Amino acid sequence: MTSAKFEPERYKDEYGKRAQVMIEEKVKGHEIKAAPKAPERGGNVVDIMAALKQSLVKAEPRRDGK
């Protein structure tokens, strides 16, 4: 199996560009504000490992032949 050749020119540094824009705005004297915090996700959190173990127990053949 071969892997594709890495071509760094295909990738763009979006973080660096955004940081540079913020720096330039700060130099101009503009106030820099942080982005609003993303809302927390609520709901049911599933323990994947517990679910996997439970499914394996259900899938095991019974030794008593049932």
N, C-alpha and C. Protein backbone atom coordinates (compact mmCIF):
# COMPACT_ATOMS: atom_id res chain seq x y z
N MET A 1 0.85 -1.17 0.00
CA MET A 1 0.00 0.00 0.00
C MET A 1 0.90 1.24 0.00
N THR A 2 0.57 2.18 -0.82
CA THR A 2 1.34 3.42 -0.87
C THR A 2 0.49 4.57 -0.38
N SER A 3 1.15 5.56 0.14
CA SER A 3 0.41 6.73 0.58
C SER A 3 0.65 7.86 -0.41
N ALA A 4 -0.32 8.74 -0.49
CA ALA A 4 -0.22 9.86 -1.41
C ALA A 4 0.89 10.81 -0.93
N LYS A 5 1.52 11.46 -1.87
CA LYS A 5 2.57 12.41 -1.56
C LYS A 5 1.96 13.64 -0.88
N PHE A 6 2.59 14.09 0.18
CA PHE A 6 2.11 15.26 0.90
C PHE A 6 2.41 16.50 0.09
N GLU A 7 1.39 17.30 -0.15
CA GLU A 7 1.53 18.52 -0.92
C GLU A 7 1.07 19.69 -0.04
N PRO A 8 1.98 20.31 0.71
CA PRO A 8 1.59 21.37 1.64
C PRO A 8 0.94 22.57 0.97
N GLU A 9 1.23 22.80 -0.28
CA GLU A 9 0.63 23.95 -0.97
C GLU A 9 -0.87 23.80 -1.16
N ARG A 10 -1.38 22.60 -0.98
CA ARG A 10 -2.83 22.37 -1.10
C ARG A 10 -3.59 22.86 0.13
N TYR A 11 -2.87 23.14 1.20
CA TYR A 11 -3.51 23.52 2.45
C TYR A 11 -3.27 25.00 2.74
N LYS A 12 -4.27 25.63 3.35
CA LYS A 12 -4.17 27.04 3.67
C LYS A 12 -4.22 27.21 5.17
N ASP A 13 -3.45 28.17 5.67
CA ASP A 13 -3.40 28.44 7.10
C ASP A 13 -4.49 29.44 7.46
N GLU A 14 -5.71 28.95 7.64
CA GLU A 14 -6.84 29.81 7.95
C GLU A 14 -6.69 30.45 9.33
N TYR A 15 -6.16 29.72 10.28
CA TYR A 15 -5.98 30.25 11.63
C TYR A 15 -5.00 31.42 11.60
N GLY A 16 -3.90 31.23 10.91
CA GLY A 16 -2.90 32.29 10.81
C GLY A 16 -3.44 33.54 10.15
N LYS A 17 -4.27 33.33 9.11
CA LYS A 17 -4.88 34.48 8.43
C LYS A 17 -5.81 35.25 9.37
N ARG A 18 -6.64 34.54 10.11
CA ARG A 18 -7.55 35.20 11.05
C ARG A 18 -6.78 35.92 12.15
N ALA A 19 -5.71 35.30 12.63
CA ALA A 19 -4.90 35.92 13.67
C ALA A 19 -4.26 37.20 13.14
N GLN A 20 -3.77 37.17 11.91
CA GLN A 20 -3.14 38.35 11.31
C GLN A 20 -4.14 39.48 11.16
N VAL A 21 -5.37 39.16 10.76
CA VAL A 21 -6.41 40.19 10.63
C VAL A 21 -6.71 40.81 11.99
N MET A 22 -6.79 39.99 13.04
CA MET A 22 -7.05 40.52 14.38
C MET A 22 -5.91 41.42 14.83
N ILE A 23 -4.68 41.02 14.56
CA ILE A 23 -3.53 41.83 14.94
C ILE A 23 -3.57 43.18 14.24
N GLU A 24 -3.87 43.17 12.95
CA GLU A 24 -3.94 44.42 12.19
C GLU A 24 -5.05 45.33 12.73
N GLU A 25 -6.19 44.75 13.10
CA GLU A 25 -7.28 45.54 13.66
C GLU A 25 -6.88 46.13 15.01
N LYS A 26 -6.17 45.34 15.81
CA LYS A 26 -5.72 45.82 17.12
C LYS A 26 -4.73 46.98 16.95
N VAL A 27 -3.82 46.88 15.97
CA VAL A 27 -2.85 47.94 15.71
C VAL A 27 -3.56 49.22 15.30
N LYS A 28 -4.66 49.09 14.58
CA LYS A 28 -5.44 50.26 14.16
C LYS A 28 -6.20 50.89 15.33
N GLY A 29 -6.20 50.22 16.47
CA GLY A 29 -6.88 50.75 17.64
C GLY A 29 -8.27 50.22 17.86
N HIS A 30 -8.70 49.27 17.05
CA HIS A 30 -10.03 48.70 17.22
C HIS A 30 -10.04 47.68 18.36
N GLU A 31 -11.17 47.58 19.01
CA GLU A 31 -11.32 46.62 20.10
C GLU A 31 -11.58 45.24 19.51
N ILE A 32 -10.90 44.26 20.03
CA ILE A 32 -11.07 42.88 19.58
C ILE A 32 -11.94 42.16 20.60
N LYS A 33 -13.02 41.56 20.14
CA LYS A 33 -13.93 40.84 21.02
C LYS A 33 -13.87 39.35 20.69
N ALA A 34 -13.95 38.55 21.72
CA ALA A 34 -13.98 37.10 21.53
C ALA A 34 -15.33 36.69 20.96
N ALA A 35 -15.32 35.64 20.20
CA ALA A 35 -16.56 35.11 19.65
C ALA A 35 -17.44 34.62 20.79
N PRO A 36 -18.75 34.72 20.65
CA PRO A 36 -19.63 34.24 21.72
C PRO A 36 -19.45 32.73 21.92
N LYS A 37 -19.57 32.32 23.16
CA LYS A 37 -19.40 30.91 23.50
C LYS A 37 -20.54 30.10 22.88
N ALA A 38 -20.18 28.97 22.32
CA ALA A 38 -21.18 28.09 21.72
C ALA A 38 -22.09 27.53 22.81
N PRO A 39 -23.37 27.39 22.52
CA PRO A 39 -24.27 26.82 23.53
C PRO A 39 -23.90 25.37 23.83
N GLU A 40 -24.04 25.01 25.09
CA GLU A 40 -23.72 23.63 25.47
C GLU A 40 -24.82 22.70 24.96
N ARG A 41 -24.38 21.56 24.53
CA ARG A 41 -25.33 20.56 24.06
C ARG A 41 -25.89 19.81 25.25
N GLY A 42 -27.16 19.69 25.28
CA GLY A 42 -27.79 18.91 26.33
C GLY A 42 -28.16 17.55 25.78
N GLY A 43 -28.82 16.81 26.57
CA GLY A 43 -29.32 15.54 26.07
C GLY A 43 -28.61 14.35 26.68
N ASN A 44 -28.88 13.24 26.11
CA ASN A 44 -28.39 11.97 26.61
C ASN A 44 -26.99 11.70 26.09
N VAL A 45 -26.04 11.52 27.01
CA VAL A 45 -24.68 11.16 26.64
C VAL A 45 -24.56 9.65 26.78
N VAL A 46 -24.11 9.01 25.73
CA VAL A 46 -24.02 7.55 25.70
C VAL A 46 -22.58 7.12 25.97
N ASP A 47 -22.41 6.19 26.90
CA ASP A 47 -21.11 5.59 27.16
C ASP A 47 -20.92 4.49 26.11
N ILE A 48 -20.12 4.79 25.11
CA ILE A 48 -19.97 3.89 23.97
C ILE A 48 -19.37 2.55 24.39
N MET A 49 -18.37 2.58 25.28
CA MET A 49 -17.75 1.32 25.70
C MET A 49 -18.73 0.44 26.45
N ALA A 50 -19.56 1.02 27.30
CA ALA A 50 -20.56 0.23 28.02
C ALA A 50 -21.57 -0.37 27.05
N ALA A 51 -21.98 0.41 26.07
CA ALA A 51 -22.93 -0.08 25.08
C ALA A 51 -22.32 -1.22 24.26
N LEU A 52 -21.05 -1.09 23.91
CA LEU A 52 -20.37 -2.14 23.15
C LEU A 52 -20.29 -3.43 23.98
N LYS A 53 -19.88 -3.30 25.23
CA LYS A 53 -19.79 -4.48 26.10
C LYS A 53 -21.14 -5.16 26.26
N GLN A 54 -22.19 -4.35 26.41
CA GLN A 54 -23.53 -4.91 26.56
C GLN A 54 -23.94 -5.65 25.28
N SER A 55 -23.62 -5.09 24.13
CA SER A 55 -24.00 -5.75 22.88
C SER A 55 -23.22 -7.05 22.69
N LEU A 56 -21.96 -7.09 23.16
CA LEU A 56 -21.18 -8.32 23.06
C LEU A 56 -21.73 -9.41 23.97
N VAL A 57 -22.19 -9.01 25.16
CA VAL A 57 -22.78 -9.99 26.08
C VAL A 57 -24.04 -10.58 25.44
N LYS A 58 -24.85 -9.75 24.81
CA LYS A 58 -26.07 -10.22 24.18
C LYS A 58 -25.76 -11.14 22.99
N ALA A 59 -24.65 -10.90 22.32
CA ALA A 59 -24.30 -11.65 21.12
C ALA A 59 -23.62 -12.98 21.44
N GLU A 60 -23.10 -13.16 22.67
CA GLU A 60 -22.40 -14.39 23.01
C GLU A 60 -23.37 -15.57 23.00
N PRO A 61 -22.94 -16.67 22.41
CA PRO A 61 -23.80 -17.85 22.45
C PRO A 61 -23.87 -18.40 23.89
N ARG A 62 -25.03 -18.89 24.26
CA ARG A 62 -25.21 -19.43 25.61
C ARG A 62 -24.58 -20.81 25.69
N ARG A 63 -24.02 -21.10 26.82
CA ARG A 63 -23.36 -22.40 27.02
C ARG A 63 -24.38 -23.50 27.30
N ASP A 64 -25.58 -23.13 27.72
CA ASP A 64 -26.59 -24.14 28.05
C ASP A 64 -27.39 -24.56 26.83
N GLY A 65 -27.01 -24.04 25.64
CA GLY A 65 -27.65 -24.44 24.41
C GLY A 65 -28.93 -23.70 24.09
N LYS A 66 -29.30 -22.71 24.86
CA LYS A 66 -30.55 -21.98 24.63
C LYS A 66 -30.30 -20.74 23.81
